[in-house]
Protein backbone atom coordinates (compact mmCIF):
# COMPACT_ATOMS: atom_id res chain seq x y z
CA UNK A 1 16.62 13.03 6.07
CA UNK A 2 18.26 9.66 5.77
CA UNK A 3 14.96 7.78 5.56
CA UNK A 4 14.27 9.43 2.19
CA UNK A 5 17.04 7.46 0.50
CA UNK A 6 15.47 6.13 -2.63
CA UNK A 7 17.05 3.26 -4.52
CA UNK A 8 15.67 2.91 -8.04
CA UNK A 9 17.63 -0.33 -8.42
CA UNK A 10 15.61 -2.04 -5.70
CA UNK A 11 13.09 -4.45 -7.12
CA UNK A 12 9.36 -3.83 -6.94
CA UNK A 13 9.12 -6.89 -4.69
CA UNK A 14 11.60 -5.36 -2.22
CA UNK A 15 9.46 -2.22 -1.99
CA UNK A 16 6.32 -4.34 -1.60
CA UNK A 17 7.95 -6.35 1.16
CA UNK A 18 8.96 -3.21 3.03
CA UNK A 19 5.45 -1.82 2.64
CA UNK A 20 3.94 -5.04 4.02
CA UNK A 21 6.12 -4.67 7.13
CA UNK A 22 5.47 -0.96 7.73
CA UNK A 23 1.78 -0.64 6.90
CA UNK A 24 0.20 -2.66 9.76
CA UNK A 25 0.02 -1.15 13.22
CA UNK A 26 -0.26 -2.36 16.80
CA UNK A 27 -3.56 -1.37 18.45
CA UNK A 28 -2.02 -1.87 21.86
CA UNK A 29 0.78 0.63 21.18
CA UNK A 30 -1.08 3.57 19.68
CA UNK A 31 1.26 6.18 21.20
CA UNK A 32 4.21 4.85 19.19
CA UNK A 33 2.09 4.26 16.10
CA UNK A 34 0.83 7.86 16.18
CA UNK A 35 4.39 9.17 16.45
CA UNK A 36 5.66 6.91 13.62
CA UNK A 37 2.85 7.71 11.18
CA UNK A 38 4.16 11.11 9.93
CA UNK A 39 7.66 9.72 9.41
CA UNK A 40 6.37 6.71 7.48
CA UNK A 41 4.09 8.88 5.37
CA UNK A 42 6.92 11.30 4.61
CA UNK A 43 9.23 8.45 3.65
CA UNK A 44 6.81 6.86 1.20
CA UNK A 45 5.55 10.19 -0.19
CA UNK A 46 9.17 11.27 -0.75
CA UNK A 47 9.93 8.03 -2.54
CA UNK A 48 6.84 8.50 -4.68
CA UNK A 49 8.00 11.98 -5.68
CA UNK A 50 11.41 10.65 -6.62
CA UNK A 51 9.84 7.78 -8.55
CA UNK A 52 7.70 10.26 -10.51
CA UNK A 53 10.86 12.18 -11.41
CA UNK A 54 12.55 8.93 -12.43
CA UNK A 55 9.53 8.05 -14.58
CA UNK A 56 9.68 11.42 -16.34
CA UNK A 57 13.40 11.03 -16.96
CA UNK A 58 13.01 7.53 -18.36
CA UNK A 59 10.16 8.77 -20.55
CA UNK A 60 12.45 11.50 -21.89
CA UNK A 61 15.15 8.86 -22.43
CA UNK A 62 12.67 6.75 -24.37
CA UNK A 63 11.73 9.70 -26.58
CA UNK A 64 15.42 10.43 -27.18
CA UNK A 65 16.15 6.78 -28.05
CA UNK A 66 13.24 6.78 -30.52
CA UNK A 67 14.45 10.02 -32.14
CA UNK A 68 18.03 8.74 -32.44
CA UNK A 69 16.83 5.43 -33.88
CA UNK A 70 14.57 7.24 -36.35
CA UNK A 71 17.46 9.43 -37.53
CA UNK A 72 19.86 6.49 -37.84
CA UNK A 73 17.30 4.40 -39.74
CA UNK A 74 16.60 7.23 -42.18
CA UNK A 75 20.34 7.86 -42.74
CA UNK A 76 21.31 4.19 -43.07
CA UNK A 77 18.19 2.25 -44.13
CA UNK A 78 20.20 -0.63 -45.60
CA UNK A 79 21.71 -1.36 -42.15
CA UNK A 80 18.16 -2.18 -41.01
CA UNK A 81 17.21 -4.24 -44.04
CA UNK A 82 15.11 -1.46 -45.61
CA UNK A 83 15.23 -0.88 -49.34
CA UNK A 84 14.18 2.49 -50.76
CA UNK A 85 11.62 2.55 -53.56
CA UNK A 86 12.17 3.99 -57.06
CA UNK A 87 12.07 7.56 -55.72
CA UNK A 88 14.61 6.78 -52.98
CA UNK A 89 12.05 6.84 -50.18
CA UNK A 90 11.25 4.31 -47.51
CA UNK A 91 7.73 3.61 -46.30
CA UNK A 92 6.92 5.24 -42.95
CA UNK A 93 5.41 2.04 -41.62
CA UNK A 94 8.70 0.23 -42.26
CA UNK A 95 10.62 2.97 -40.42
CA UNK A 96 8.20 2.85 -37.46
CA UNK A 97 8.50 -0.92 -37.32
CA UNK A 98 12.30 -0.67 -37.28
CA UNK A 99 12.19 1.97 -34.53
CA UNK A 100 10.06 -0.27 -32.32
CA UNK A 101 12.53 -3.15 -32.72
CA UNK A 102 15.65 -0.99 -32.28
CA UNK A 103 17.80 -2.28 -29.40
CA UNK A 104 18.17 1.09 -27.66
CA UNK A 105 14.42 1.75 -27.90
CA UNK A 106 13.56 -1.65 -26.43
CA UNK A 107 16.01 -1.07 -23.58
CA UNK A 108 14.66 2.44 -22.92
CA UNK A 109 11.08 1.10 -22.92
CA UNK A 110 12.06 -1.50 -20.35
CA UNK A 111 13.44 1.18 -18.02
CA UNK A 112 10.39 3.35 -18.56
CA UNK A 113 7.93 0.57 -17.70
CA UNK A 114 9.89 -0.36 -14.57
CA UNK A 115 9.89 3.29 -13.48
CA UNK A 116 6.18 3.55 -14.25
CA UNK A 117 5.39 0.42 -12.21
CA UNK A 118 7.48 1.70 -9.29
CA UNK A 119 5.78 5.10 -9.35
CA UNK A 120 2.36 3.43 -9.31
CA UNK A 121 3.31 1.17 -6.41
CA UNK A 122 4.56 4.13 -4.39
CA UNK A 123 1.45 6.14 -5.23
CA UNK A 124 -0.70 3.33 -3.85
CA UNK A 125 1.58 3.08 -0.80
CA UNK A 126 1.01 6.76 -0.03
CA UNK A 127 -2.74 6.25 -0.34
CA UNK A 128 -2.47 3.25 1.99
CA UNK A 129 -0.64 5.38 4.58
CA UNK A 130 -3.42 7.96 4.33
CA UNK A 131 -5.90 5.18 5.11
CA UNK A 132 -3.62 3.98 7.93
CA UNK A 133 -3.81 7.45 9.45
CA UNK A 134 -7.61 7.29 9.42
CA UNK A 135 -7.55 3.82 10.98
CA UNK A 136 -5.22 5.04 13.72
CA UNK A 137 -7.55 7.96 14.37
CA UNK A 138 -10.51 5.57 14.63
CA UNK A 139 -8.64 3.26 17.00
CA UNK A 140 -7.72 6.27 19.14
CA UNK A 141 -11.36 7.29 19.36
CA UNK A 142 -12.30 3.77 20.42
CA UNK A 143 -9.73 3.94 23.23
CA UNK A 144 -10.95 7.36 24.34
CA UNK A 145 -14.50 6.05 24.44
CA UNK A 146 -13.31 3.04 26.49
CA UNK A 147 -14.30 0.50 23.85
CA UNK A 148 -11.39 -1.69 24.93
CA UNK A 149 -11.91 -1.25 28.66
CA UNK A 150 -12.84 -4.14 30.94
CA UNK A 151 -16.33 -4.87 32.21
CA UNK A 152 -17.44 -2.20 34.64
CA UNK A 153 -19.93 -3.10 37.34
CA UNK A 154 -21.62 -0.29 39.24
CA UNK A 155 -22.68 -0.46 42.89
CA UNK A 156 -26.31 -0.69 41.79
CA UNK A 157 -25.49 -3.64 39.54
CA UNK A 158 -23.75 -5.43 42.42
CA UNK A 159 -26.68 -4.83 44.76
CA UNK A 160 -29.15 -6.09 42.15
CA UNK A 161 -27.04 -9.20 41.52
CA UNK A 162 -26.81 -9.90 45.24
CA UNK A 163 -30.59 -9.47 45.59
CA UNK A 164 -31.21 -11.84 42.66
CA UNK A 165 -28.81 -14.34 44.15
CA UNK A 166 -30.61 -14.25 47.49
CA UNK A 167 -34.02 -14.61 45.81
CA UNK A 168 -32.82 -17.63 43.85
CA UNK A 169 -31.30 -19.16 47.00
CA UNK A 170 -34.54 -18.65 48.95
CA UNK A 171 -36.57 -20.19 46.12
CA UNK A 172 -34.32 -23.25 46.05
CA UNK A 173 -34.50 -23.58 49.84
CA UNK A 174 -38.32 -23.42 49.71
CA UNK A 175 -38.46 -26.13 47.06
CA UNK A 176 -36.12 -28.36 48.99
CA UNK A 177 -38.27 -27.98 52.17
CA UNK A 178 -41.42 -28.80 50.23
CA UNK A 179 -39.81 -31.91 48.75
CA UNK A 180 -38.79 -33.11 52.19
CA UNK A 181 -42.26 -32.70 53.57
CA UNK A 182 -43.74 -34.56 50.63
CA UNK A 183 -41.32 -37.43 51.12
CA UNK A 184 -42.18 -37.80 54.79
């Protein structure tokens, strides 16, 4: 399924732009919209699944980076500007502070937050396509019930209109005759 190609390097804005193009539908072309809906849903749901996997992997990478930084800081505290106390120990708060500032941890956090944001966007996209399906269904029901059909005039309506027209014409003719007689 080529449409499931997921590019984690695409920016959030690129995914948003694609979503903005694919989410709307044409009421006047419901046949095509109905046939496209499952493919679009599958595409975005597949991307969401892959983004969730990416998020889990980046979270694991973040945990690994924190563990490696913690170990390195404890082995080489002087490299991080930490000085052990009289007993040769370093305060835990100082170690935690150094872990948070560690270059690899900061980089891993950046990847994790990007993956998290992408997964959330794709989750909302899938929900939007579920709503799109319901909107398509509603539009289809409107078409079936002839909501969009033209004005329909029955034979009875035409006869009644013709009768009203004749009555109005006769009334006008009577008034015109009476005006003429009054003028004479």
